[in-house]
Amino acid sequence: MKKGLFTTCISVALVFLYICGTSFAADIELAKKSTLEKILKKGELRVGFEAGYMPFELTDKNGRFVGFDIDMAKEMAKAMKVKFVPVNTAWDGIIPSLITGKFDIIMSGMTVTQERNLKVLFADPNIIVGQTILLNKKHKDTVKSYKDLNNSKYIVTSKLGTTGEQAVKRKIPKCTYKSFETETEAALEVVNGKADAYVYDKPNCVVFMAQQGTSNLIFLDEPFTYEPLAWAINKGDPDFLNFLNNFLRQIKNDGRYDRIYNKWIMSTDWYKNVK
């Protein structure tokens, strides 16, 4: 009886060791396939973004890519001891381009949504924003919030395929909505009196107000949505995700994040270099 019990215990132990060994081997293989390992071997971090979303990524007077996300990407490359390689990509193709390996990570002011999260992995949010409104000044006495725009007589603009567009359709469904390929085109419709309101992320609206002044627009600056922005990577890569979250935690506590945030989000001094 004792011999049978001993044999059974040995068998269970061997099975346990086999499972653990197999699991460990699988973990090693997964780590080897991580984008993080590929970045280190190639010696470069390829970052996907769409230039034009101020102040997150844009082009300065000298044709260089600059902005909040660009500075964050450079700090990340420095931490990895690799070269920063910018990859400017059209917004409507940015997730497919990540999936097909045209770059390693999306750092482009991307809002975390459930729909996008089905396709990519998001790191922890690096900034929280929300949709705000730039209003044509002729409506200063009649429109006080997004709710007042919920009427077909109002033409509301935003950028195609963004959470600004989604917010309009969800929160102001009765308005007459017009989408545009770029933020600037959509906002200029309001400046030129061809539309009544422009809906977009608060940092972008702050910048546009700095560009256009207050002669034509009123800024309804209280966000009416909650939108965490985060970096996106390909699914199935826990090692890279772990690095990103720890990198973000580190820079938020050593002063680097505050320096970049204050430069691009809290100030518009940089705008003189991109006119």
C-alpha atoms as a PDB file:
ATOM      1  CA  MET A   1       0.000   0.000   0.000  1.00  0.00           C
ATOM      2  CA  LYS A   2       2.785   2.382   0.971  1.00  0.00           C
ATOM      3  CA  LYS A   3       4.760   1.438  -2.119  1.00  0.00           C
ATOM      4  CA  GLY A   4       1.771   2.230  -4.341  1.00  0.00           C
ATOM      5  CA  LEU A   5       1.301   5.607  -2.640  1.00  0.00           C
ATOM      6  CA  PHE A   6       5.002   6.406  -3.037  1.00  0.00           C
ATOM      7  CA  THR A   7       4.886   5.521  -6.736  1.00  0.00           C
ATOM      8  CA  THR A   8       1.843   7.715  -7.223  1.00  0.00           C
ATOM      9  CA  CYS A   9       3.563  10.669  -5.508  1.00  0.00           C
ATOM     10  CA  ILE A  10       6.632  10.262  -7.716  1.00  0.00           C
ATOM     11  CA  SER A  11       4.453  10.182 -10.821  1.00  0.00           C
ATOM     12  CA  VAL A  12       2.610  13.342  -9.785  1.00  0.00           C
ATOM     13  CA  ALA A  13       5.917  15.100  -9.066  1.00  0.00           C
ATOM     14  CA  LEU A  14       7.329  14.133 -12.453  1.00  0.00           C
ATOM     15  CA  VAL A  15       4.220  15.380 -14.218  1.00  0.00           C
ATOM     16  CA  PHE A  16       4.450  18.657 -12.270  1.00  0.00           C
ATOM     17  CA  LEU A  17       8.114  19.088 -13.186  1.00  0.00           C
ATOM     18  CA  TYR A  18       7.347  18.325 -16.824  1.00  0.00           C
ATOM     19  CA  ILE A  19       4.565  20.922 -16.929  1.00  0.00           C
ATOM     20  CA  CYS A  20       6.763  23.534 -15.231  1.00  0.00           C
ATOM     21  CA  GLY A  21       9.635  22.783 -17.580  1.00  0.00           C
ATOM     22  CA  THR A  22       7.408  23.030 -20.622  1.00  0.00           C
ATOM     23  CA  SER A  23       5.906  26.288 -19.348  1.00  0.00           C
ATOM     24  CA  PHE A  24       9.375  27.734 -18.673  1.00  0.00           C
ATOM     25  CA  ALA A  25      10.538  26.797 -22.161  1.00  0.00           C
ATOM     26  CA  ALA A  26       7.429  28.376 -23.646  1.00  0.00           C
ATOM     27  CA  ASP A  27       8.090  31.588 -21.678  1.00  0.00           C
ATOM     28  CA  ILE A  28      11.667  31.725 -22.993  1.00  0.00           C
ATOM     29  CA  GLU A  29      10.451  31.320 -26.573  1.00  0.00           C
ATOM     30  CA  LEU A  30       7.847  34.060 -26.062  1.00  0.00           C
ATOM     31  CA  ALA A  31      10.533  36.399 -24.695  1.00  0.00           C
ATOM     32  CA  LYS A  32      12.745  35.731 -27.718  1.00  0.00           C
ATOM     33  CA  LYS A  33       9.889  36.751 -30.036  1.00  0.00           C
ATOM     34  CA  SER A  34       9.260  40.028 -28.214  1.00  0.00           C
ATOM     35  CA  THR A  35       9.520  43.252 -30.225  1.00  0.00           C
ATOM     36  CA  LEU A  36      11.743  44.478 -27.415  1.00  0.00           C
ATOM     37  CA  GLU A  37      14.397  41.915 -28.365  1.00  0.00           C
ATOM     38  CA  LYS A  38      14.143  42.905 -32.037  1.00  0.00           C
ATOM     39  CA  ILE A  39      14.598  46.580 -31.128  1.00  0.00           C
ATOM     40  CA  LEU A  40      17.723  45.826 -29.115  1.00  0.00           C
ATOM     41  CA  LYS A  41      19.202  43.605 -31.827  1.00  0.00           C
ATOM     42  CA  LYS A  42      18.547  46.138 -34.623  1.00  0.00           C
ATOM     43  CA  GLY A  43      19.675  49.038 -32.473  1.00  0.00           C
ATOM     44  CA  GLU A  44      16.701  51.199 -33.403  1.00  0.00           C
ATOM     45  CA  LEU A  45      13.244  52.062 -32.122  1.00  0.00           C
ATOM     46  CA  ARG A  46      10.813  52.674 -35.005  1.00  0.00           C
ATOM     47  CA  VAL A  47       7.991  54.922 -33.836  1.00  0.00           C
ATOM     48  CA  GLY A  48       4.763  55.340 -35.798  1.00  0.00           C
ATOM     49  CA  PHE A  49       2.782  58.596 -35.636  1.00  0.00           C
ATOM     50  CA  GLU A  50       0.905  61.065 -37.821  1.00  0.00           C
ATOM     51  CA  ALA A  51       2.527  64.504 -37.894  1.00  0.00           C
ATOM     52  CA  GLY A  52       0.015  67.321 -37.635  1.00  0.00           C
ATOM     53  CA  TYR A  53      -1.686  66.579 -34.320  1.00  0.00           C
ATOM     54  CA  MET A  54      -0.371  69.520 -32.314  1.00  0.00           C
ATOM     55  CA  PRO A  55       1.138  69.535 -29.758  1.00  0.00           C
ATOM     56  CA  PHE A  56       1.742  65.788 -29.794  1.00  0.00           C
ATOM     57  CA  GLU A  57       3.516  65.413 -33.145  1.00  0.00           C
ATOM     58  CA  LEU A  58       4.180  68.057 -35.777  1.00  0.00           C
ATOM     59  CA  THR A  59       6.830  69.419 -38.113  1.00  0.00           C
ATOM     60  CA  ASP A  60       8.885  72.507 -37.248  1.00  0.00           C
ATOM     61  CA  LYS A  61      10.203  75.218 -39.588  1.00  0.00           C
ATOM     62  CA  ASN A  62      13.216  73.070 -40.456  1.00  0.00           C
ATOM     63  CA  GLY A  63      11.154  70.022 -41.378  1.00  0.00           C
ATOM     64  CA  ARG A  64      12.007  68.131 -38.189  1.00  0.00           C
ATOM     65  CA  PHE A  65       9.439  66.092 -36.290  1.00  0.00           C
ATOM     66  CA  VAL A  66       8.790  67.580 -32.848  1.00  0.00           C
ATOM     67  CA  GLY A  67       6.147  67.408 -30.132  1.00  0.00           C
ATOM     68  CA  PHE A  68       5.125  65.787 -26.862  1.00  0.00           C
ATOM     69  CA  ASP A  69       5.145  62.225 -28.222  1.00  0.00           C
ATOM     70  CA  ILE A  70       8.359  62.797 -30.167  1.00  0.00           C
ATOM     71  CA  ASP A  71      10.210  63.915 -27.029  1.00  0.00           C
ATOM     72  CA  MET A  72       8.804  60.926 -25.126  1.00  0.00           C
ATOM     73  CA  ALA A  73       9.936  58.582 -27.908  1.00  0.00           C
ATOM     74  CA  LYS A  74      13.450  60.059 -27.862  1.00  0.00           C
ATOM     75  CA  GLU A  75      13.655  59.511 -24.093  1.00  0.00           C
ATOM     76  CA  MET A  76      12.508  55.928 -24.607  1.00  0.00           C
ATOM     77  CA  ALA A  77      15.130  55.276 -27.288  1.00  0.00           C
ATOM     78  CA  LYS A  78      17.777  56.789 -25.030  1.00  0.00           C
ATOM     79  CA  ALA A  79      16.733  54.472 -22.193  1.00  0.00           C
ATOM     80  CA  MET A  80      17.059  51.502 -24.566  1.00  0.00           C
ATOM     81  CA  LYS A  81      20.387  52.846 -25.883  1.00  0.00           C
ATOM     82  CA  VAL A  82      19.112  52.605 -29.457  1.00  0.00           C
ATOM     83  CA  LYS A  83      18.475  55.028 -32.322  1.00  0.00           C
ATOM     84  CA  PHE A  84      15.121  56.820 -32.583  1.00  0.00           C
ATOM     85  CA  VAL A  85      13.571  56.289 -36.034  1.00  0.00           C
ATOM     86  CA  PRO A  86      10.422  58.348 -36.772  1.00  0.00           C
ATOM     87  CA  VAL A  87       7.866  56.831 -39.167  1.00  0.00           C
ATOM     88  CA  ASN A  88       5.229  59.366 -40.245  1.00  0.00           C
ATOM     89  CA  THR A  89       2.053  57.468 -41.173  1.00  0.00           C
ATOM     90  CA  ALA A  90      -1.478  58.374 -42.266  1.00  0.00           C
ATOM     91  CA  TRP A  91      -3.877  58.003 -39.336  1.00  0.00           C
ATOM     92  CA  ASP A  92      -6.359  55.701 -41.078  1.00  0.00           C
ATOM     93  CA  GLY A  93      -3.603  53.165 -41.701  1.00  0.00           C
ATOM     94  CA  ILE A  94      -1.637  53.489 -38.477  1.00  0.00           C
ATOM     95  CA  ILE A  95      -2.902  50.339 -36.708  1.00  0.00           C
ATOM     96  CA  PRO A  96      -2.602  48.119 -39.827  1.00  0.00           C
ATOM     97  CA  SER A  97       0.938  49.473 -40.273  1.00  0.00           C
ATOM     98  CA  LEU A  98       1.824  48.461 -36.711  1.00  0.00           C
ATOM     99  CA  ILE A  99       0.356  44.994 -37.190  1.00  0.00           C
ATOM    100  CA  THR A 100       2.323  44.440 -40.415  1.00  0.00           C
ATOM    101  CA  GLY A 101       5.590  45.504 -38.757  1.00  0.00           C
ATOM    102  CA  LYS A 102       6.271  48.855 -40.417  1.00  0.00           C
ATOM    103  CA  PHE A 103       7.202  50.171 -36.975  1.00  0.00           C
ATOM    104  CA  ASP A 104       7.493  48.911 -33.402  1.00  0.00           C
ATOM    105  CA  ILE A 105       5.102  51.150 -31.499  1.00  0.00           C
ATOM    106  CA  ILE A 106       2.421  53.795 -32.026  1.00  0.00           C
ATOM    107  CA  MET A 107       3.136  57.003 -30.110  1.00  0.00           C
ATOM    108  CA  SER A 108       0.620  59.361 -31.649  1.00  0.00           C
ATOM    109  CA  GLY A 109      -1.822  60.713 -29.087  1.00  0.00           C
ATOM    110  CA  MET A 110      -4.003  57.630 -29.510  1.00  0.00           C
ATOM    111  CA  THR A 111      -7.072  57.352 -27.285  1.00  0.00           C
ATOM    112  CA  VAL A 112      -7.640  53.979 -25.657  1.00  0.00           C
ATOM    113  CA  THR A 113     -10.928  52.539 -26.925  1.00  0.00           C
ATOM    114  CA  GLN A 114     -12.410  49.052 -26.651  1.00  0.00           C
ATOM    115  CA  GLU A 115     -12.497  48.761 -30.440  1.00  0.00           C
ATOM    116  CA  ARG A 116      -8.798  49.556 -30.790  1.00  0.00           C
ATOM    117  CA  ASN A 117      -7.932  47.379 -27.816  1.00  0.00           C
ATOM    118  CA  LEU A 118      -9.242  44.350 -29.705  1.00  0.00           C
ATOM    119  CA  LYS A 119      -6.459  44.923 -32.245  1.00  0.00           C
ATOM    120  CA  VAL A 120      -3.540  46.206 -30.173  1.00  0.00           C
ATOM    121  CA  LEU A 121      -2.107  46.212 -26.657  1.00  0.00           C
ATOM    122  CA  PHE A 122      -2.128  49.555 -24.840  1.00  0.00           C
ATOM    123  CA  ALA A 123       0.404  50.591 -22.225  1.00  0.00           C
ATOM    124  CA  ASP A 124      -0.827  52.519 -19.185  1.00  0.00           C
ATOM    125  CA  PRO A 125      -2.197  55.975 -20.146  1.00  0.00           C
ATOM    126  CA  ASN A 126       0.482  58.650 -20.374  1.00  0.00           C
ATOM    127  CA  ILE A 127      -1.933  61.598 -20.414  1.00  0.00           C
ATOM    128  CA  ILE A 128      -5.663  62.143 -19.902  1.00  0.00           C
ATOM    129  CA  VAL A 129      -7.545  64.487 -22.242  1.00  0.00           C
ATOM    130  CA  GLY A 130     -11.137  65.029 -23.336  1.00  0.00           C
ATOM    131  CA  GLN A 131     -13.127  66.551 -26.156  1.00  0.00           C
ATOM    132  CA  THR A 132     -13.660  70.314 -26.050  1.00  0.00           C
ATOM    133  CA  ILE A 133     -15.253  72.844 -28.422  1.00  0.00           C
ATOM    134  CA  LEU A 134     -14.043  75.763 -30.506  1.00  0.00           C
ATOM    135  CA  LEU A 135     -17.152  77.800 -31.226  1.00  0.00           C
ATOM    136  CA  ASN A 136     -17.736  80.480 -33.823  1.00  0.00           C
ATOM    137  CA  LYS A 137     -18.064  83.751 -31.937  1.00  0.00           C
ATOM    138  CA  LYS A 138     -21.492  84.504 -33.378  1.00  0.00           C
ATOM    139  CA  HIS A 139     -22.918  81.861 -31.019  1.00  0.00           C
ATOM    140  CA  LYS A 140     -21.400  83.284 -27.812  1.00  0.00           C
ATOM    141  CA  ASP A 141     -24.814  84.086 -26.322  1.00  0.00           C
ATOM    142  CA  THR A 142     -26.659  80.947 -27.381  1.00  0.00           C
ATOM    143  CA  VAL A 143     -24.237  78.014 -27.078  1.00  0.00           C
ATOM    144  CA  LYS A 144     -22.803  77.332 -23.627  1.00  0.00           C
ATOM    145  CA  SER A 145     -22.046  73.600 -23.859  1.00  0.00           C
ATOM    146  CA  TYR A 146     -22.024  70.666 -26.267  1.00  0.00           C
ATOM    147  CA  LYS A 147     -25.679  69.979 -25.407  1.00  0.00           C
ATOM    148  CA  ASP A 148     -26.747  73.239 -27.028  1.00  0.00           C
ATOM    149  CA  LEU A 149     -25.304  72.048 -30.358  1.00  0.00           C
ATOM    150  CA  ASN A 150     -27.625  69.033 -30.527  1.00  0.00           C
ATOM    151  CA  ASN A 151     -29.726  70.514 -33.312  1.00  0.00           C
ATOM    152  CA  SER A 152     -29.580  70.042 -37.087  1.00  0.00           C
ATOM    153  CA  LYS A 153     -29.202  73.792 -37.594  1.00  0.00           C
ATOM    154  CA  TYR A 154     -25.667  73.599 -36.187  1.00  0.00           C
ATOM    155  CA  ILE A 155     -22.802  72.371 -38.375  1.00  0.00           C
ATOM    156  CA  VAL A 156     -20.163  70.628 -36.250  1.00  0.00           C
ATOM    157  CA  THR A 157     -16.770  69.482 -37.548  1.00  0.00           C
ATOM    158  CA  SER A 158     -14.015  67.125 -36.467  1.00  0.00           C
ATOM    159  CA  LYS A 159     -11.346  64.888 -37.965  1.00  0.00           C
ATOM    160  CA  LEU A 160     -12.311  61.691 -39.760  1.00  0.00           C
ATOM    161  CA  GLY A 161     -11.797  58.454 -37.811  1.00  0.00           C
ATOM    162  CA  THR A 162     -11.037  60.059 -34.448  1.00  0.00           C
ATOM    163  CA  THR A 163     -12.623  60.058 -31.013  1.00  0.00           C
ATOM    164  CA  GLY A 164     -13.657  63.640 -31.758  1.00  0.00           C
ATOM    165  CA  GLU A 165     -15.855  62.289 -34.527  1.00  0.00           C
ATOM    166  CA  GLN A 166     -17.156  59.533 -32.238  1.00  0.00           C
ATOM    167  CA  ALA A 167     -17.978  62.059 -29.511  1.00  0.00           C
ATOM    168  CA  VAL A 168     -20.001  64.185 -31.927  1.00  0.00           C
ATOM    169  CA  LYS A 169     -21.984  61.196 -33.174  1.00  0.00           C
ATOM    170  CA  ARG A 170     -22.574  59.875 -29.675  1.00  0.00           C
ATOM    171  CA  LYS A 171     -23.120  63.083 -27.688  1.00  0.00           C
ATOM    172  CA  ILE A 172     -24.507  65.466 -30.337  1.00  0.00           C
ATOM    173  CA  PRO A 173     -26.338  63.098 -32.707  1.00  0.00           C
ATOM    174  CA  LYS A 174     -28.854  65.645 -34.015  1.00  0.00           C
ATOM    175  CA  CYS A 175     -26.286  68.166 -35.279  1.00  0.00           C
ATOM    176  CA  THR A 176     -25.192  68.347 -38.922  1.00  0.00           C
ATOM    177  CA  TYR A 177     -21.789  66.708 -38.858  1.00  0.00           C
ATOM    178  CA  LYS A 178     -18.940  67.263 -41.345  1.00  0.00           C
ATOM    179  CA  SER A 179     -15.668  65.316 -41.181  1.00  0.00           C
ATOM    180  CA  PHE A 180     -12.276  66.385 -42.541  1.00  0.00           C
ATOM    181  CA  GLU A 181      -8.957  64.704 -43.267  1.00  0.00           C
ATOM    182  CA  THR A 182      -7.020  67.017 -40.926  1.00  0.00           C
ATOM    183  CA  GLU A 183      -7.662  68.880 -37.689  1.00  0.00           C
ATOM    184  CA  THR A 184      -6.682  72.202 -39.269  1.00  0.00           C
ATOM    185  CA  GLU A 185      -9.213  71.894 -42.101  1.00  0.00           C
ATOM    186  CA  ALA A 186     -11.983  71.088 -39.646  1.00  0.00           C
ATOM    187  CA  ALA A 187     -11.141  74.001 -37.334  1.00  0.00           C
ATOM    188  CA  LEU A 188     -10.759  76.509 -40.174  1.00  0.00           C
ATOM    189  CA  GLU A 189     -14.338  75.775 -41.274  1.00  0.00           C
ATOM    190  CA  VAL A 190     -15.424  77.347 -37.991  1.00  0.00           C
ATOM    191  CA  VAL A 191     -12.988  80.281 -38.266  1.00  0.00           C
ATOM    192  CA  ASN A 192     -14.257  81.013 -41.774  1.00  0.00           C
ATOM    193  CA  GLY A 193     -17.896  80.836 -40.731  1.00  0.00           C
ATOM    194  CA  LYS A 194     -18.706  77.731 -42.771  1.00  0.00           C
ATOM    195  CA  ALA A 195     -19.373  75.709 -39.621  1.00  0.00           C
ATOM    196  CA  ASP A 196     -20.517  76.506 -36.110  1.00  0.00           C
ATOM    197  CA  ALA A 197     -18.291  74.382 -33.897  1.00  0.00           C
ATOM    198  CA  TYR A 198     -15.173  72.223 -33.960  1.00  0.00           C
ATOM    199  CA  VAL A 199     -14.880  69.285 -31.548  1.00  0.00           C
ATOM    200  CA  TYR A 200     -11.472  67.884 -30.656  1.00  0.00           C
ATOM    201  CA  ASP A 201      -9.012  67.007 -27.868  1.00  0.00           C
ATOM    202  CA  LYS A 202      -8.330  69.844 -25.444  1.00  0.00           C
ATOM    203  CA  PRO A 203      -4.554  70.178 -26.101  1.00  0.00           C
ATOM    204  CA  ASN A 204      -5.196  70.553 -29.835  1.00  0.00           C
ATOM    205  CA  CYS A 205      -7.869  73.180 -29.242  1.00  0.00           C
ATOM    206  CA  VAL A 206      -5.518  75.092 -26.916  1.00  0.00           C
ATOM    207  CA  VAL A 207      -2.943  75.215 -29.697  1.00  0.00           C
ATOM    208  CA  PHE A 208      -5.435  76.311 -32.330  1.00  0.00           C
ATOM    209  CA  MET A 209      -6.600  79.135 -30.072  1.00  0.00           C
ATOM    210  CA  ALA A 210      -2.963  80.230 -29.785  1.00  0.00           C
ATOM    211  CA  GLN A 211      -2.762  80.224 -33.590  1.00  0.00           C
ATOM    212  CA  GLN A 212      -6.018  82.033 -34.329  1.00  0.00           C
ATOM    213  CA  GLY A 213      -6.401  84.187 -31.240  1.00  0.00           C
ATOM    214  CA  THR A 214      -9.791  85.067 -29.849  1.00  0.00           C
ATOM    215  CA  SER A 215     -11.039  87.282 -32.670  1.00  0.00           C
ATOM    216  CA  ASN A 216     -13.118  84.542 -34.331  1.00  0.00           C
ATOM    217  CA  LEU A 217     -13.516  81.818 -31.737  1.00  0.00           C
ATOM    218  CA  ILE A 218     -14.780  81.036 -28.262  1.00  0.00           C
ATOM    219  CA  PHE A 219     -13.138  78.152 -26.417  1.00  0.00           C
ATOM    220  CA  LEU A 220     -15.518  75.958 -24.418  1.00  0.00           C
ATOM    221  CA  ASP A 221     -12.620  74.374 -22.559  1.00  0.00           C
ATOM    222  CA  GLU A 222     -14.437  72.044 -20.156  1.00  0.00           C
ATOM    223  CA  PRO A 223     -13.963  68.506 -21.541  1.00  0.00           C
ATOM    224  CA  PHE A 224     -17.199  66.577 -22.031  1.00  0.00           C
ATOM    225  CA  THR A 225     -15.532  63.178 -22.483  1.00  0.00           C
ATOM    226  CA  TYR A 226     -12.861  61.205 -20.616  1.00  0.00           C
ATOM    227  CA  GLU A 227     -10.063  60.024 -22.885  1.00  0.00           C
ATOM    228  CA  PRO A 228      -6.852  58.337 -21.767  1.00  0.00           C
ATOM    229  CA  LEU A 229      -4.080  58.455 -24.380  1.00  0.00           C
ATOM    230  CA  ALA A 230      -1.585  55.599 -24.508  1.00  0.00           C
ATOM    231  CA  TRP A 231       1.132  53.941 -26.580  1.00  0.00           C
ATOM    232  CA  ALA A 232       0.060  50.928 -28.628  1.00  0.00           C
ATOM    233  CA  ILE A 233       1.999  47.779 -29.530  1.00  0.00           C
ATOM    234  CA  ASN A 234       1.197  44.447 -31.141  1.00  0.00           C
ATOM    235  CA  LYS A 235      -0.775  41.883 -29.159  1.00  0.00           C
ATOM    236  CA  GLY A 236       0.949  38.950 -27.487  1.00  0.00           C
ATOM    237  CA  ASP A 237       3.993  40.878 -26.239  1.00  0.00           C
ATOM    238  CA  PRO A 238       4.003  41.025 -22.394  1.00  0.00           C
ATOM    239  CA  ASP A 239       7.756  41.752 -22.211  1.00  0.00           C
ATOM    240  CA  PHE A 240       7.523  44.933 -24.290  1.00  0.00           C
ATOM    241  CA  LEU A 241       4.391  45.999 -22.392  1.00  0.00           C
ATOM    242  CA  ASN A 242       6.180  45.470 -19.084  1.00  0.00           C
ATOM    243  CA  PHE A 243       9.086  47.656 -20.250  1.00  0.00           C
ATOM    244  CA  LEU A 244       6.750  50.444 -21.402  1.00  0.00           C
ATOM    245  CA  ASN A 245       4.798  50.583 -18.156  1.00  0.00           C
ATOM    246  CA  ASN A 246       7.937  50.625 -16.055  1.00  0.00           C
ATOM    247  CA  PHE A 247       9.538  53.249 -18.308  1.00  0.00           C
ATOM    248  CA  LEU A 248       6.458  55.454 -17.927  1.00  0.00           C
ATOM    249  CA  ARG A 249       6.437  54.980 -14.165  1.00  0.00           C
ATOM    250  CA  GLN A 250      10.123  55.914 -13.986  1.00  0.00           C
ATOM    251  CA  ILE A 251       9.938  59.111 -16.042  1.00  0.00           C
ATOM    252  CA  LYS A 252       6.841  60.272 -14.154  1.00  0.00           C
ATOM    253  CA  ASN A 253       8.873  60.147 -10.965  1.00  0.00           C
ATOM    254  CA  ASP A 254      12.278  61.461 -12.030  1.00  0.00           C
ATOM    255  CA  GLY A 255      11.282  64.790 -13.598  1.00  0.00           C
ATOM    256  CA  ARG A 256      11.547  63.883 -17.290  1.00  0.00           C
ATOM    257  CA  TYR A 257       7.792  63.586 -17.822  1.00  0.00           C
ATOM    258  CA  ASP A 258       7.088  66.915 -16.109  1.00  0.00           C
ATOM    259  CA  ARG A 259       9.708  68.653 -18.244  1.00  0.00           C
ATOM    260  CA  ILE A 260       8.141  67.370 -21.480  1.00  0.00           C
ATOM    261  CA  TYR A 261       4.575  67.961 -20.275  1.00  0.00           C
ATOM    262  CA  ASN A 262       5.274  71.548 -19.240  1.00  0.00           C
ATOM    263  CA  LYS A 263       7.040  72.273 -22.529  1.00  0.00           C
ATOM    264  CA  TRP A 264       4.303  70.997 -24.852  1.00  0.00           C
ATOM    265  CA  ILE A 265       1.029  70.919 -22.893  1.00  0.00           C
ATOM    266  CA  MET A 266       1.269  73.722 -20.342  1.00  0.00           C
ATOM    267  CA  SER A 267       2.902  76.232 -22.701  1.00  0.00           C
ATOM    268  CA  THR A 268       2.509  77.410 -26.294  1.00  0.00           C
ATOM    269  CA  ASP A 269       5.991  79.000 -26.500  1.00  0.00           C
ATOM    270  CA  TRP A 270       7.025  76.247 -28.920  1.00  0.00           C
ATOM    271  CA  TYR A 271       4.521  77.483 -31.482  1.00  0.00           C
ATOM    272  CA  LYS A 272       6.837  80.249 -32.749  1.00  0.00           C
ATOM    273  CA  ASN A 273       9.143  77.507 -34.066  1.00  0.00           C
ATOM    274  CA  VAL A 274       6.473  75.825 -36.183  1.00  0.00           C
ATOM    275  CA  LYS A 275       4.760  78.784 -37.887  1.00  0.00           C
END
